[in-house]
């Protein structure tokens, strides 16, 4: 069963994402911000990382860059799930190593569809 790291500083958003993913048969580990996610990624290997952009301590782009520096996360899909929708921000996401970009509020069916396409 694939293991997904869900990162968002909003407890309600983490719960909605977790509910959607567990309902589809995925295992989910939640993180409250990029720093928390990075620390969890040191002790576990994830099949996919789903992260918000705007968070305290370490934002989504910073987390993506830090994860991509580690061999075990070189090819792990990293999806940004954020309210940010500008082309400039999406380009920054690609440059940091993000696999894809989804805009909140998210459609659960679309989120699961994207995950199915990128998860190994």
Protein backbone atom coordinates (compact mmCIF):
# COMPACT_ATOMS: atom_id res chain seq x y z
CA UNK A 1 0.00 0.00 0.00
CA UNK A 2 1.62 3.28 -1.08
CA UNK A 3 2.67 5.67 1.68
CA UNK A 4 1.99 9.38 1.14
CA UNK A 5 3.39 12.30 3.14
CA UNK A 6 0.69 15.02 3.35
CA UNK A 7 2.06 18.43 4.37
CA UNK A 8 -0.11 21.43 5.27
CA UNK A 9 -0.17 23.90 8.16
CA UNK A 10 -4.00 23.90 8.11
CA UNK A 11 -5.35 21.06 10.30
CA UNK A 12 -8.66 21.01 8.38
CA UNK A 13 -6.87 20.75 5.01
CA UNK A 14 -4.63 17.93 6.33
CA UNK A 15 -7.74 16.06 7.51
CA UNK A 16 -9.54 16.52 4.16
CA UNK A 17 -6.50 15.32 2.21
CA UNK A 18 -5.92 12.42 4.60
CA UNK A 19 -9.60 11.38 4.44
CA UNK A 20 -9.53 11.45 0.62
CA UNK A 21 -6.30 9.45 0.39
CA UNK A 22 -7.06 6.83 3.05
CA UNK A 23 -10.51 6.33 1.51
CA UNK A 24 -8.74 5.45 -1.76
CA UNK A 25 -6.50 2.89 -0.04
CA UNK A 26 -3.36 4.94 0.58
CA UNK A 27 -1.49 5.15 3.87
CA UNK A 28 -0.93 8.74 5.01
CA UNK A 29 1.57 10.40 7.32
CA UNK A 30 0.70 14.01 8.14
CA UNK A 31 3.18 16.84 8.69
CA UNK A 32 2.33 20.34 10.01
CA UNK A 33 4.89 22.24 7.89
CA UNK A 34 7.91 21.74 5.65
CA UNK A 35 10.34 21.32 8.54
CA UNK A 36 8.17 18.66 10.18
CA UNK A 37 7.87 16.90 6.80
CA UNK A 38 11.61 17.04 6.21
CA UNK A 39 12.27 15.50 9.64
CA UNK A 40 9.76 12.69 8.95
CA UNK A 41 11.37 12.08 5.55
CA UNK A 42 14.69 11.37 7.32
CA UNK A 43 13.21 8.31 9.02
CA UNK A 44 10.74 7.01 6.43
CA UNK A 45 10.58 6.54 2.68
CA UNK A 46 7.44 7.82 0.99
CA UNK A 47 5.94 6.89 -2.37
CA UNK A 48 4.64 10.44 -2.87
CA UNK A 49 4.82 13.83 -1.14
CA UNK A 50 1.80 16.16 -1.30
CA UNK A 51 2.67 19.60 0.04
CA UNK A 52 1.21 23.06 0.52
CA UNK A 53 3.35 26.04 -0.53
CA UNK A 54 2.77 28.74 2.12
CA UNK A 55 3.73 27.35 5.53
CA UNK A 56 5.77 28.51 8.53
CA UNK A 57 9.37 27.32 9.13
CA UNK A 58 9.83 25.77 5.66
CA UNK A 59 7.57 26.35 2.65
CA UNK A 60 6.67 23.85 -0.06
CA UNK A 61 9.37 24.96 -2.51
CA UNK A 62 12.02 24.83 0.21
CA UNK A 63 10.86 21.35 1.22
CA UNK A 64 10.93 20.19 -2.40
CA UNK A 65 14.49 21.47 -2.89
CA UNK A 66 15.71 19.82 0.34
CA UNK A 67 14.06 16.48 -0.51
CA UNK A 68 15.50 16.47 -4.04
CA UNK A 69 19.02 16.74 -2.55
CA UNK A 70 18.59 13.23 -1.06
CA UNK A 71 19.07 10.17 -3.28
CA UNK A 72 15.94 8.42 -1.97
CA UNK A 73 13.78 11.39 -3.01
CA UNK A 74 15.39 12.08 -6.41
CA UNK A 75 12.54 10.35 -8.28
CA UNK A 76 9.74 10.48 -5.67
CA UNK A 77 6.72 12.36 -7.04
CA UNK A 78 6.21 15.67 -5.21
CA UNK A 79 2.88 17.39 -5.81
CA UNK A 80 2.15 20.94 -4.72
CA UNK A 81 -1.42 21.47 -3.45
CA UNK A 82 -1.80 25.19 -2.86
CA UNK A 83 -3.88 28.33 -3.35
CA UNK A 84 -0.97 29.73 -5.43
CA UNK A 85 -1.90 29.57 -9.10
CA UNK A 86 0.39 32.05 -10.88
CA UNK A 87 2.54 30.81 -13.76
CA UNK A 88 5.58 32.32 -12.04
CA UNK A 89 4.96 30.24 -8.92
CA UNK A 90 4.39 27.10 -11.01
CA UNK A 91 7.70 27.72 -12.81
CA UNK A 92 9.41 28.08 -9.43
CA UNK A 93 7.84 24.76 -8.43
CA UNK A 94 9.16 23.01 -11.53
CA UNK A 95 12.60 24.54 -10.98
CA UNK A 96 12.59 23.26 -7.38
CA UNK A 97 11.74 19.77 -8.62
CA UNK A 98 7.97 19.53 -8.13
CA UNK A 99 6.29 16.86 -10.25
CA UNK A 100 2.92 18.60 -10.46
CA UNK A 101 0.80 21.50 -9.23
CA UNK A 102 -2.81 21.38 -8.00
CA UNK A 103 -4.78 24.41 -6.90
CA UNK A 104 -6.99 24.54 -3.77
CA UNK A 105 -9.82 24.02 -3.26
CA UNK A 106 -9.17 20.57 -4.69
CA UNK A 107 -11.55 18.11 -6.31
CA UNK A 108 -10.96 14.75 -4.54
CA UNK A 109 -11.48 12.74 -7.75
CA UNK A 110 -8.99 14.92 -9.65
CA UNK A 111 -6.43 14.67 -6.83
CA UNK A 112 -6.68 10.87 -6.83
CA UNK A 113 -6.46 10.80 -10.63
CA UNK A 114 -3.22 12.84 -10.60
CA UNK A 115 -1.75 10.68 -7.83
CA UNK A 116 -2.54 7.48 -9.76
CA UNK A 117 -0.72 8.91 -12.79
CA UNK A 118 2.51 9.82 -10.97
CA UNK A 119 2.87 7.27 -8.17
CA UNK A 120 5.06 4.24 -8.85
